[in-house]
Amino acid sequence: MKVTALVPLPSKSEPFRRNRERFIPAVPGCYALVTIHQEVLYIGLSNNLRRRINEHLDNPSKTGLTAKGRAVLFFWLETAETNKIERTWLNIHISSEGGLPELNSVYSPTAT
């Protein structure tokens, strides 16, 4: 599924690289890890988006190669309604693809 299918659409993006984390705000929001072809690999939420991207960059399963490609972009939407938006995005992905994004393992939002 393409990132453009998410509603509401993530409003910002940065390359999924350590030297770009400083451009991601330390605010609550929902995010998606996306391939170069705009395919969603992971959907999540966080109370601190900057901290969360760093945690993902330290995780080999999030930085490694998948069947759809490697995560190269970090899209996000700043919001206080993280649980609602994440559930909506996951439901859109499940409706479109028949399951969770490749790197998601559970369908239960947990703020981090």
PDB file of N, CA and C in Angstrom:
ATOM      1  N   MET A   1       0.837  -1.168   0.000  1.00  0.00           N
ATOM      2  CA  MET A   1       0.000   0.000   0.000  1.00  0.00           C
ATOM      3  C   MET A   1       0.890   1.241   0.000  1.00  0.00           C
ATOM      4  N   LYS A   2       0.508   2.211  -0.777  1.00  0.00           N
ATOM      5  CA  LYS A   2       1.262   3.456  -0.860  1.00  0.00           C
ATOM      6  C   LYS A   2       0.929   4.367   0.320  1.00  0.00           C
ATOM      7  N   VAL A   3       1.890   5.160   0.734  1.00  0.00           N
ATOM      8  CA  VAL A   3       1.698   6.091   1.846  1.00  0.00           C
ATOM      9  C   VAL A   3       0.596   7.105   1.533  1.00  0.00           C
ATOM     10  N   THR A   4       0.368   7.393   0.266  1.00  0.00           N
ATOM     11  CA  THR A   4      -0.669   8.354  -0.124  1.00  0.00           C
ATOM     12  C   THR A   4      -2.082   7.848   0.158  1.00  0.00           C
ATOM     13  N   ALA A   5      -2.234   6.570   0.482  1.00  0.00           N
ATOM     14  CA  ALA A   5      -3.552   6.010   0.816  1.00  0.00           C
ATOM     15  C   ALA A   5      -3.938   6.281   2.268  1.00  0.00           C
ATOM     16  N   LEU A   6      -2.995   6.723   3.091  1.00  0.00           N
ATOM     17  CA  LEU A   6      -3.289   6.975   4.502  1.00  0.00           C
ATOM     18  C   LEU A   6      -4.154   8.217   4.661  1.00  0.00           C
ATOM     19  N   VAL A   7      -5.153   8.104   5.551  1.00  0.00           N
ATOM     20  CA  VAL A   7      -6.070   9.218   5.840  1.00  0.00           C
ATOM     21  C   VAL A   7      -6.175   9.366   7.344  1.00  0.00           C
ATOM     22  N   PRO A   8      -5.865  10.531   7.893  1.00  0.00           N
ATOM     23  CA  PRO A   8      -5.335  11.697   7.201  1.00  0.00           C
ATOM     24  C   PRO A   8      -3.914  11.437   6.710  1.00  0.00           C
ATOM     25  N   LEU A   9      -3.561  12.124   5.674  1.00  0.00           N
ATOM     26  CA  LEU A   9      -2.253  11.963   5.057  1.00  0.00           C
ATOM     27  C   LEU A   9      -1.157  12.508   5.971  1.00  0.00           C
ATOM     28  N   PRO A  10      -0.043  11.763   6.132  1.00  0.00           N
ATOM     29  CA  PRO A  10       1.078  12.335   6.903  1.00  0.00           C
ATOM     30  C   PRO A  10       1.515  13.646   6.246  1.00  0.00           C
ATOM     31  N   SER A  11       1.770  14.653   7.058  1.00  0.00           N
ATOM     32  CA  SER A  11       2.033  15.981   6.510  1.00  0.00           C
ATOM     33  C   SER A  11       3.511  16.282   6.284  1.00  0.00           C
ATOM     34  N   LYS A  12       4.399  15.462   6.848  1.00  0.00           N
ATOM     35  CA  LYS A  12       5.836  15.745   6.739  1.00  0.00           C
ATOM     36  C   LYS A  12       6.604  14.451   6.517  1.00  0.00           C
ATOM     37  N   SER A  13       7.819  14.600   5.967  1.00  0.00           N
ATOM     38  CA  SER A  13       8.683  13.427   5.796  1.00  0.00           C
ATOM     39  C   SER A  13      10.142  13.855   5.794  1.00  0.00           C
ATOM     40  N   GLU A  14      10.971  12.914   6.162  1.00  0.00           N
ATOM     41  CA  GLU A  14      12.429  13.073   6.135  1.00  0.00           C
ATOM     42  C   GLU A  14      13.020  11.727   5.748  1.00  0.00           C
ATOM     43  N   PRO A  15      14.218  11.725   5.186  1.00  0.00           N
ATOM     44  CA  PRO A  15      14.902  10.450   4.954  1.00  0.00           C
ATOM     45  C   PRO A  15      15.084   9.702   6.278  1.00  0.00           C
ATOM     46  N   PHE A  16      14.957   8.401   6.223  1.00  0.00           N
ATOM     47  CA  PHE A  16      15.109   7.534   7.399  1.00  0.00           C
ATOM     48  C   PHE A  16      16.606   7.278   7.611  1.00  0.00           C
ATOM     49  N   ARG A  17      17.298   8.327   8.099  1.00  0.00           N
ATOM     50  CA  ARG A  17      18.741   8.264   8.328  1.00  0.00           C
ATOM     51  C   ARG A  17      19.081   9.016   9.603  1.00  0.00           C
ATOM     52  N   ARG A  18      20.118   8.593  10.245  1.00  0.00           N
ATOM     53  CA  ARG A  18      20.553   9.192  11.512  1.00  0.00           C
ATOM     54  C   ARG A  18      20.829  10.692  11.383  1.00  0.00           C
ATOM     55  N   ASN A  19      21.417  11.124  10.299  1.00  0.00           N
ATOM     56  CA  ASN A  19      21.769  12.545  10.175  1.00  0.00           C
ATOM     57  C   ASN A  19      20.557  13.439   9.904  1.00  0.00           C
ATOM     58  N   ARG A  20      19.359  12.863   9.781  1.00  0.00           N
ATOM     59  CA  ARG A  20      18.149  13.649   9.544  1.00  0.00           C
ATOM     60  C   ARG A  20      17.230  13.696  10.754  1.00  0.00           C
ATOM     61  N   GLU A  21      17.557  12.966  11.826  1.00  0.00           N
ATOM     62  CA  GLU A  21      16.666  12.896  12.989  1.00  0.00           C
ATOM     63  C   GLU A  21      16.476  14.252  13.647  1.00  0.00           C
ATOM     64  N   ARG A  22      17.444  15.137  13.521  1.00  0.00           N
ATOM     65  CA  ARG A  22      17.331  16.451  14.163  1.00  0.00           C
ATOM     66  C   ARG A  22      16.210  17.298  13.552  1.00  0.00           C
ATOM     67  N   PHE A  23      15.737  16.922  12.359  1.00  0.00           N
ATOM     68  CA  PHE A  23      14.649  17.650  11.705  1.00  0.00           C
ATOM     69  C   PHE A  23      13.271  17.119  12.087  1.00  0.00           C
ATOM     70  N   ILE A  24      13.245  16.086  12.891  1.00  0.00           N
ATOM     71  CA  ILE A  24      11.977  15.506  13.340  1.00  0.00           C
ATOM     72  C   ILE A  24      11.700  16.024  14.744  1.00  0.00           C
ATOM     73  N   PRO A  25      10.539  16.594  14.970  1.00  0.00           N
ATOM     74  CA  PRO A  25      10.248  17.209  16.271  1.00  0.00           C
ATOM     75  C   PRO A  25      10.042  16.183  17.375  1.00  0.00           C
ATOM     76  N   ALA A  26      10.312  16.604  18.591  1.00  0.00           N
ATOM     77  CA  ALA A  26      10.105  15.751  19.778  1.00  0.00           C
ATOM     78  C   ALA A  26       8.691  15.982  20.294  1.00  0.00           C
ATOM     79  N   VAL A  27       7.699  15.617  19.465  1.00  0.00           N
ATOM     80  CA  VAL A  27       6.281  15.829  19.780  1.00  0.00           C
ATOM     81  C   VAL A  27       5.515  14.537  19.537  1.00  0.00           C
ATOM     82  N   PRO A  28       4.275  14.432  20.064  1.00  0.00           N
ATOM     83  CA  PRO A  28       3.461  13.251  19.791  1.00  0.00           C
ATOM     84  C   PRO A  28       3.020  13.202  18.331  1.00  0.00           C
ATOM     85  N   GLY A  29       2.878  11.979  17.833  1.00  0.00           N
ATOM     86  CA  GLY A  29       2.385  11.826  16.474  1.00  0.00           C
ATOM     87  C   GLY A  29       2.341  10.387  16.018  1.00  0.00           C
ATOM     88  N   CYS A  30       1.871  10.213  14.804  1.00  0.00           N
ATOM     89  CA  CYS A  30       1.848   8.910  14.140  1.00  0.00           C
ATOM     90  C   CYS A  30       2.809   8.973  12.969  1.00  0.00           C
ATOM     91  N   TYR A  31       3.350   7.823  12.587  1.00  0.00           N
ATOM     92  CA  TYR A  31       4.375   7.815  11.555  1.00  0.00           C
ATOM     93  C   TYR A  31       4.320   6.527  10.753  1.00  0.00           C
ATOM     94  N   ALA A  32       4.975   6.553   9.610  1.00  0.00           N
ATOM     95  CA  ALA A  32       5.094   5.374   8.764  1.00  0.00           C
ATOM     96  C   ALA A  32       6.513   5.294   8.226  1.00  0.00           C
ATOM     97  N   LEU A  33       7.063   4.087   8.248  1.00  0.00           N
ATOM     98  CA  LEU A  33       8.338   3.818   7.585  1.00  0.00           C
ATOM     99  C   LEU A  33       7.990   3.346   6.182  1.00  0.00           C
ATOM    100  N   VAL A  34       8.654   3.936   5.168  1.00  0.00           N
ATOM    101  CA  VAL A  34       8.227   3.774   3.786  1.00  0.00           C
ATOM    102  C   VAL A  34       9.432   3.493   2.887  1.00  0.00           C
ATOM    103  N   THR A  35       9.207   2.690   1.838  1.00  0.00           N
ATOM    104  CA  THR A  35      10.259   2.377   0.866  1.00  0.00           C
ATOM    105  C   THR A  35      10.427   3.527  -0.128  1.00  0.00           C
ATOM    106  N   ILE A  36      11.433   3.417  -0.971  1.00  0.00           N
ATOM    107  CA  ILE A  36      11.681   4.410  -2.015  1.00  0.00           C
ATOM    108  C   ILE A  36      10.494   4.488  -2.978  1.00  0.00           C
ATOM    109  N   HIS A  37       9.733   3.402  -3.097  1.00  0.00           N
ATOM    110  CA  HIS A  37       8.561   3.368  -3.981  1.00  0.00           C
ATOM    111  C   HIS A  37       7.275   3.741  -3.252  1.00  0.00           C
ATOM    112  N   GLN A  38       7.431   4.339  -2.046  1.00  0.00           N
ATOM    113  CA  GLN A  38       6.314   4.836  -1.256  1.00  0.00           C
ATOM    114  C   GLN A  38       5.447   3.728  -0.643  1.00  0.00           C
ATOM    115  N   GLU A  39       5.959   2.489  -0.567  1.00  0.00           N
ATOM    116  CA  GLU A  39       5.236   1.376   0.051  1.00  0.00           C
ATOM    117  C   GLU A  39       5.400   1.435   1.571  1.00  0.00           C
ATOM    118  N   VAL A  40       4.302   1.331   2.295  1.00  0.00           N
ATOM    119  CA  VAL A  40       4.319   1.375   3.760  1.00  0.00           C
ATOM    120  C   VAL A  40       4.830   0.044   4.302  1.00  0.00           C
ATOM    121  N   LEU A  41       5.884   0.114   5.130  1.00  0.00           N
ATOM    122  CA  LEU A  41       6.438  -1.071   5.784  1.00  0.00           C
ATOM    123  C   LEU A  41       6.058  -1.161   7.253  1.00  0.00           C
ATOM    124  N   TYR A  42       5.780  -0.012   7.871  1.00  0.00           N
ATOM    125  CA  TYR A  42       5.509   0.017   9.313  1.00  0.00           C
ATOM    126  C   TYR A  42       4.677   1.245   9.635  1.00  0.00           C
ATOM    127  N   ILE A  43       3.718   1.069  10.527  1.00  0.00           N
ATOM    128  CA  ILE A  43       2.897   2.171  11.028  1.00  0.00           C
ATOM    129  C   ILE A  43       3.024   2.174  12.538  1.00  0.00           C
ATOM    130  N   GLY A  44       3.239   3.347  13.124  1.00  0.00           N
ATOM    131  CA  GLY A  44       3.382   3.427  14.574  1.00  0.00           C
ATOM    132  C   GLY A  44       2.936   4.765  15.123  1.00  0.00           C
ATOM    133  N   LEU A  45       3.022   4.859  16.436  1.00  0.00           N
ATOM    134  CA  LEU A  45       2.697   6.092  17.146  1.00  0.00           C
ATOM    135  C   LEU A  45       3.750   6.316  18.203  1.00  0.00           C
ATOM    136  N   SER A  46       3.874   7.558  18.655  1.00  0.00           N
ATOM    137  CA  SER A  46       4.853   7.868  19.683  1.00  0.00           C
ATOM    138  C   SER A  46       4.499   9.170  20.384  1.00  0.00           C
ATOM    139  N   ASN A  47       4.909   9.270  21.628  1.00  0.00           N
ATOM    140  CA  ASN A  47       4.795  10.526  22.365  1.00  0.00           C
ATOM    141  C   ASN A  47       5.943  11.466  22.015  1.00  0.00           C
ATOM    142  N   ASN A  48       6.996  10.912  21.385  1.00  0.00           N
ATOM    143  CA  ASN A  48       8.171  11.690  21.008  1.00  0.00           C
ATOM    144  C   ASN A  48       8.716  11.123  19.695  1.00  0.00           C
ATOM    145  N   LEU A  49       8.350  11.744  18.584  1.00  0.00           N
ATOM    146  CA  LEU A  49       8.727  11.228  17.265  1.00  0.00           C
ATOM    147  C   LEU A  49      10.238  11.160  17.062  1.00  0.00           C
ATOM    148  N   ARG A  50      10.985  12.153  17.554  1.00  0.00           N
ATOM    149  CA  ARG A  50      12.441  12.142  17.382  1.00  0.00           C
ATOM    150  C   ARG A  50      13.075  10.946  18.112  1.00  0.00           C
ATOM    151  N   ARG A  51      12.651  10.710  19.330  1.00  0.00           N
ATOM    152  CA  ARG A  51      13.181   9.565  20.069  1.00  0.00           C
ATOM    153  C   ARG A  51      12.832   8.250  19.359  1.00  0.00           C
ATOM    154  N   ARG A  52      11.613   8.192  18.829  1.00  0.00           N
ATOM    155  CA  ARG A  52      11.162   6.948  18.202  1.00  0.00           C
ATOM    156  C   ARG A  52      11.934   6.635  16.934  1.00  0.00           C
ATOM    157  N   ILE A  53      12.229   7.635  16.092  1.00  0.00           N
ATOM    158  CA  ILE A  53      13.001   7.344  14.882  1.00  0.00           C
ATOM    159  C   ILE A  53      14.381   6.814  15.259  1.00  0.00           C
ATOM    160  N   ASN A  54      14.982   7.357  16.318  1.00  0.00           N
ATOM    161  CA  ASN A  54      16.288   6.861  16.757  1.00  0.00           C
ATOM    162  C   ASN A  54      16.200   5.417  17.228  1.00  0.00           C
ATOM    163  N   GLU A  55      15.137   5.064  17.935  1.00  0.00           N
ATOM    164  CA  GLU A  55      14.957   3.672  18.363  1.00  0.00           C
ATOM    165  C   GLU A  55      14.852   2.747  17.149  1.00  0.00           C
ATOM    166  N   HIS A  56      14.116   3.181  16.122  1.00  0.00           N
ATOM    167  CA  HIS A  56      13.996   2.367  14.908  1.00  0.00           C
ATOM    168  C   HIS A  56      15.317   2.272  14.162  1.00  0.00           C
ATOM    169  N   LEU A  57      16.075   3.358  14.134  1.00  0.00           N
ATOM    170  CA  LEU A  57      17.371   3.318  13.453  1.00  0.00           C
ATOM    171  C   LEU A  57      18.352   2.383  14.160  1.00  0.00           C
ATOM    172  N   ASP A  58      18.143   2.126  15.446  1.00  0.00           N
ATOM    173  CA  ASP A  58      18.977   1.183  16.202  1.00  0.00           C
ATOM    174  C   ASP A  58      18.488  -0.258  16.083  1.00  0.00           C
ATOM    175  N   ASN A  59      17.359  -0.479  15.419  1.00  0.00           N
ATOM    176  CA  ASN A  59      16.745  -1.800  15.331  1.00  0.00           C
ATOM    177  C   ASN A  59      17.013  -2.415  13.949  1.00  0.00           C
ATOM    178  N   PRO A  60      17.826  -3.466  13.872  1.00  0.00           N
ATOM    179  CA  PRO A  60      18.154  -4.070  12.577  1.00  0.00           C
ATOM    180  C   PRO A  60      16.926  -4.542  11.792  1.00  0.00           C
ATOM    181  N   SER A  61      15.859  -4.939  12.469  1.00  0.00           N
ATOM    182  CA  SER A  61      14.678  -5.388  11.720  1.00  0.00           C
ATOM    183  C   SER A  61      13.991  -4.228  11.008  1.00  0.00           C
ATOM    184  N   LYS A  62      14.142  -3.015  11.527  1.00  0.00           N
ATOM    185  CA  LYS A  62      13.526  -1.848  10.885  1.00  0.00           C
ATOM    186  C   LYS A  62      14.435  -1.244   9.811  1.00  0.00           C
ATOM    187  N   THR A  63      15.732  -1.443   9.919  1.00  0.00           N
ATOM    188  CA  THR A  63      16.662  -0.879   8.940  1.00  0.00           C
ATOM    189  C   THR A  63      17.065  -1.884   7.862  1.00  0.00           C
ATOM    190  N   GLY A  64      16.724  -3.146   8.056  1.00  0.00           N
ATOM    191  CA  GLY A  64      17.128  -4.185   7.116  1.00  0.00           C
ATOM    192  C   GLY A  64      16.244  -4.281   5.886  1.00  0.00           C
ATOM    193  N   LEU A  65      16.632  -5.145   4.988  1.00  0.00           N
ATOM    194  CA  LEU A  65      15.917  -5.374   3.741  1.00  0.00           C
ATOM    195  C   LEU A  65      14.678  -6.228   3.993  1.00  0.00           C
ATOM    196  N   THR A  66      13.569  -5.871   3.369  1.00  0.00           N
ATOM    197  CA  THR A  66      12.332  -6.653   3.447  1.00  0.00           C
ATOM    198  C   THR A  66      11.957  -7.103   2.038  1.00  0.00           C
ATOM    199  N   ALA A  67      10.890  -7.866   1.925  1.00  0.00           N
ATOM    200  CA  ALA A  67      10.426  -8.318   0.611  1.00  0.00           C
ATOM    201  C   ALA A  67      10.017  -7.146  -0.276  1.00  0.00           C
ATOM    202  N   LYS A  68       9.558  -6.048   0.323  1.00  0.00           N
ATOM    203  CA  LYS A  68       9.145  -4.871  -0.452  1.00  0.00           C
ATOM    204  C   LYS A  68      10.261  -3.846  -0.614  1.00  0.00           C
ATOM    205  N   GLY A  69      11.372  -4.061   0.052  1.00  0.00           N
ATOM    206  CA  GLY A  69      12.473  -3.115   0.001  1.00  0.00           C
ATOM    207  C   GLY A  69      12.875  -2.669   1.390  1.00  0.00           C
ATOM    208  N   ARG A  70      13.697  -1.668   1.452  1.00  0.00           N
ATOM    209  CA  ARG A  70      14.221  -1.134   2.711  1.00  0.00           C
ATOM    210  C   ARG A  70      13.500   0.171   3.051  1.00  0.00           C
ATOM    211  N   ALA A  71      13.295   0.415   4.353  1.00  0.00           N
ATOM    212  CA  ALA A  71      12.714   1.689   4.787  1.00  0.00           C
ATOM    213  C   ALA A  71      13.728   2.797   4.521  1.00  0.00           C
ATOM    214  N   VAL A  72      13.326   3.784   3.736  1.00  0.00           N
ATOM    215  CA  VAL A  72      14.216   4.896   3.416  1.00  0.00           C
ATOM    216  C   VAL A  72      13.592   6.248   3.755  1.00  0.00           C
ATOM    217  N   LEU A  73      12.299   6.264   4.068  1.00  0.00           N
ATOM    218  CA  LEU A  73      11.615   7.516   4.391  1.00  0.00           C
ATOM    219  C   LEU A  73      10.815   7.358   5.679  1.00  0.00           C
ATOM    220  N   PHE A  74      10.751   8.434   6.436  1.00  0.00           N
ATOM    221  CA  PHE A  74       9.991   8.508   7.687  1.00  0.00           C
ATOM    222  C   PHE A  74       8.939   9.598   7.493  1.00  0.00           C
ATOM    223  N   PHE A  75       7.680   9.183   7.318  1.00  0.00           N
ATOM    224  CA  PHE A  75       6.564  10.124   7.178  1.00  0.00           C
ATOM    225  C   PHE A  75       5.890  10.262   8.527  1.00  0.00           C
ATOM    226  N   TRP A  76       5.389  11.471   8.860  1.00  0.00           N
ATOM    227  CA  TRP A  76       4.699  11.617  10.138  1.00  0.00           C
ATOM    228  C   TRP A  76       3.615  12.683  10.078  1.00  0.00           C
ATOM    229  N   LEU A  77       2.734  12.565  11.076  1.00  0.00           N
ATOM    230  CA  LEU A  77       1.658  13.524  11.298  1.00  0.00           C
ATOM    231  C   LEU A  77       1.689  13.871  12.776  1.00  0.00           C
ATOM    232  N   GLU A  78       1.895  15.133  13.078  1.00  0.00           N
ATOM    233  CA  GLU A  78       1.889  15.566  14.470  1.00  0.00           C
ATOM    234  C   GLU A  78       0.441  15.616  14.942  1.00  0.00           C
ATOM    235  N   THR A  79       0.139  14.897  16.031  1.00  0.00           N
ATOM    236  CA  THR A  79      -1.230  14.831  16.529  1.00  0.00           C
ATOM    237  C   THR A  79      -1.241  14.370  17.979  1.00  0.00           C
ATOM    238  N   ALA A  80      -2.222  14.831  18.719  1.00  0.00           N
ATOM    239  CA  ALA A  80      -2.430  14.338  20.080  1.00  0.00           C
ATOM    240  C   ALA A  80      -3.320  13.099  20.058  1.00  0.00           C
ATOM    241  N   GLU A  81      -3.995  12.854  18.935  1.00  0.00           N
ATOM    242  CA  GLU A  81      -4.896  11.702  18.803  1.00  0.00           C
ATOM    243  C   GLU A  81      -4.154  10.499  18.222  1.00  0.00           C
ATOM    244  N   THR A  82      -3.048  10.125  18.841  1.00  0.00           N
ATOM    245  CA  THR A  82      -2.190   9.086  18.278  1.00  0.00           C
ATOM    246  C   THR A  82      -2.898   7.743  18.154  1.00  0.00           C
ATOM    247  N   ASN A  83      -3.622   7.320  19.189  1.00  0.00           N
ATOM    248  CA  ASN A  83      -4.288   6.007  19.130  1.00  0.00           C
ATOM    249  C   ASN A  83      -5.300   5.959  17.994  1.00  0.00           C
ATOM    250  N   LYS A  84      -6.107   7.002  17.864  1.00  0.00           N
ATOM    251  CA  LYS A  84      -7.140   7.050  16.831  1.00  0.00           C
ATOM    252  C   LYS A  84      -6.530   7.026  15.430  1.00  0.00           C
ATOM    253  N   ILE A  85      -5.507   7.845  15.198  1.00  0.00           N
ATOM    254  CA  ILE A  85      -4.889   7.923  13.870  1.00  0.00           C
ATOM    255  C   ILE A  85      -4.169   6.627  13.536  1.00  0.00           C
ATOM    256  N   GLU A  86      -3.428   6.076  14.494  1.00  0.00           N
ATOM    257  CA  GLU A  86      -2.724   4.823  14.207  1.00  0.00           C
ATOM    258  C   GLU A  86      -3.710   3.717  13.865  1.00  0.00           C
ATOM    259  N   ARG A  87      -4.789   3.593  14.633  1.00  0.00           N
ATOM    260  CA  ARG A  87      -5.818   2.577  14.340  1.00  0.00           C
ATOM    261  C   ARG A  87      -6.394   2.776  12.947  1.00  0.00           C
ATOM    262  N   THR A  88      -6.677   4.020  12.596  1.00  0.00           N
ATOM    263  CA  THR A  88      -7.227   4.317  11.269  1.00  0.00           C
ATOM    264  C   THR A  88      -6.252   3.880  10.183  1.00  0.00           C
ATOM    265  N   TRP A  89      -4.978   4.252  10.327  1.00  0.00           N
ATOM    266  CA  TRP A  89      -3.975   3.874   9.334  1.00  0.00           C
ATOM    267  C   TRP A  89      -3.826   2.364   9.242  1.00  0.00           C
ATOM    268  N   LEU A  90      -3.802   1.666  10.389  1.00  0.00           N
ATOM    269  CA  LEU A  90      -3.695   0.208  10.360  1.00  0.00           C
ATOM    270  C   LEU A  90      -4.913  -0.408   9.684  1.00  0.00           C
ATOM    271  N   ASN A  91      -6.105   0.111   9.981  1.00  0.00           N
ATOM    272  CA  ASN A  91      -7.321  -0.417   9.348  1.00  0.00           C
ATOM    273  C   ASN A  91      -7.308  -0.195   7.837  1.00  0.00           C
ATOM    274  N   ILE A  92      -6.817   0.953   7.399  1.00  0.00           N
ATOM    275  CA  ILE A  92      -6.699   1.216   5.958  1.00  0.00           C
ATOM    276  C   ILE A  92      -5.759   0.193   5.328  1.00  0.00           C
ATOM    277  N   HIS A  93      -4.640  -0.069   5.989  1.00  0.00           N
ATOM    278  CA  HIS A  93      -3.676  -1.039   5.450  1.00  0.00           C
ATOM    279  C   HIS A  93      -4.273  -2.437   5.415  1.00  0.00           C
ATOM    280  N   ILE A  94      -4.955  -2.833   6.473  1.00  0.00           N
ATOM    281  CA  ILE A  94      -5.572  -4.161   6.522  1.00  0.00           C
ATOM    282  C   ILE A  94      -6.619  -4.289   5.417  1.00  0.00           C
ATOM    283  N   SER A  95      -7.430  -3.258   5.212  1.00  0.00           N
ATOM    284  CA  SER A  95      -8.456  -3.289   4.155  1.00  0.00           C
ATOM    285  C   SER A  95      -7.825  -3.375   2.768  1.00  0.00           C
ATOM    286  N   SER A  96      -6.728  -2.666   2.585  1.00  0.00           N
ATOM    287  CA  SER A  96      -6.071  -2.616   1.283  1.00  0.00           C
ATOM    288  C   SER A  96      -5.235  -3.858   0.985  1.00  0.00           C
ATOM    289  N   GLU A  97      -4.492  -4.328   1.987  1.00  0.00           N
ATOM    290  CA  GLU A  97      -3.504  -5.392   1.770  1.00  0.00           C
ATOM    291  C   GLU A  97      -3.877  -6.734   2.404  1.00  0.00           C
ATOM    292  N   GLY A  98      -4.926  -6.746   3.215  1.00  0.00           N
ATOM    293  CA  GLY A  98      -5.331  -8.001   3.850  1.00  0.00           C
ATOM    294  C   GLY A  98      -4.576  -8.326   5.119  1.00  0.00           C
ATOM    295  N   GLY A  99      -3.774  -7.404   5.615  1.00  0.00           N
ATOM    296  CA  GLY A  99      -3.015  -7.644   6.842  1.00  0.00           C
ATOM    297  C   GLY A  99      -2.243  -6.410   7.256  1.00  0.00           C
ATOM    298  N   LEU A 100      -1.516  -6.568   8.350  1.00  0.00           N
ATOM    299  CA  LEU A 100      -0.692  -5.478   8.874  1.00  0.00           C
ATOM    300  C   LEU A 100       0.491  -5.200   7.943  1.00  0.00           C
ATOM    301  N   PRO A 101       1.076  -4.016   8.040  1.00  0.00           N
ATOM    302  CA  PRO A 101       2.314  -3.758   7.291  1.00  0.00           C
ATOM    303  C   PRO A 101       3.386  -4.788   7.663  1.00  0.00           C
ATOM    304  N   GLU A 102       4.273  -5.031   6.756  1.00  0.00           N
ATOM    305  CA  GLU A 102       5.274  -6.092   6.893  1.00  0.00           C
ATOM    306  C   GLU A 102       6.066  -6.051   8.204  1.00  0.00           C
ATOM    307  N   LEU A 103       6.405  -4.873   8.696  1.00  0.00           N
ATOM    308  CA  LEU A 103       7.217  -4.777   9.905  1.00  0.00           C
ATOM    309  C   LEU A 103       6.410  -4.598  11.186  1.00  0.00           C
ATOM    310  N   ASN A 104       5.085  -4.515  11.084  1.00  0.00           N
ATOM    311  CA  ASN A 104       4.242  -4.469  12.285  1.00  0.00           C
ATOM    312  C   ASN A 104       3.969  -5.896  12.740  1.00  0.00           C
ATOM    313  N   SER A 105       4.019  -6.103  14.061  1.00  0.00           N
ATOM    314  CA  SER A 105       3.766  -7.450  14.559  1.00  0.00           C
ATOM    315  C   SER A 105       2.451  -7.548  15.334  1.00  0.00           C
ATOM    316  N   VAL A 106       1.918  -6.416  15.808  1.00  0.00           N
ATOM    317  CA  VAL A 106       0.678  -6.450  16.583  1.00  0.00           C
ATOM    318  C   VAL A 106      -0.235  -5.298  16.167  1.00  0.00           C
ATOM    319  N   TYR A 107      -1.521  -5.485  16.407  1.00  0.00           N
ATOM    320  CA  TYR A 107      -2.523  -4.488  16.073  1.00  0.00           C
ATOM    321  C   TYR A 107      -3.008  -3.821  17.358  1.00  0.00           C
ATOM    322  N   SER A 108      -2.103  -3.310  18.142  1.00  0.00           N
ATOM    323  CA  SER A 108      -2.481  -2.703  19.408  1.00  0.00           C
ATOM    324  C   SER A 108      -1.601  -1.497  19.658  1.00  0.00           C
ATOM    325  N   PRO A 109      -2.179  -0.282  19.593  1.00  0.00           N
ATOM    326  CA  PRO A 109      -1.325   0.886  19.775  1.00  0.00           C
ATOM    327  C   PRO A 109      -0.786   0.977  21.196  1.00  0.00           C
ATOM    328  N   THR A 110       0.487   1.265  21.287  1.00  0.00           N
ATOM    329  CA  THR A 110       1.151   1.482  22.558  1.00  0.00           C
ATOM    330  C   THR A 110       2.032   2.707  22.410  1.00  0.00           C
ATOM    331  N   ALA A 111       1.732   3.735  23.155  1.00  0.00           N
ATOM    332  CA  ALA A 111       2.518   4.960  23.055  1.00  0.00           C
ATOM    333  C   ALA A 111       3.933   4.728  23.572  1.00  0.00           C
ATOM    334  N   THR A 112       4.928   5.204  22.826  1.00  0.00           N
ATOM    335  CA  THR A 112       6.325   5.115  23.254  1.00  0.00           C
ATOM    336  C   THR A 112       7.016   6.438  23.056  1.00  0.00           C
TER     337      THR A 112
END
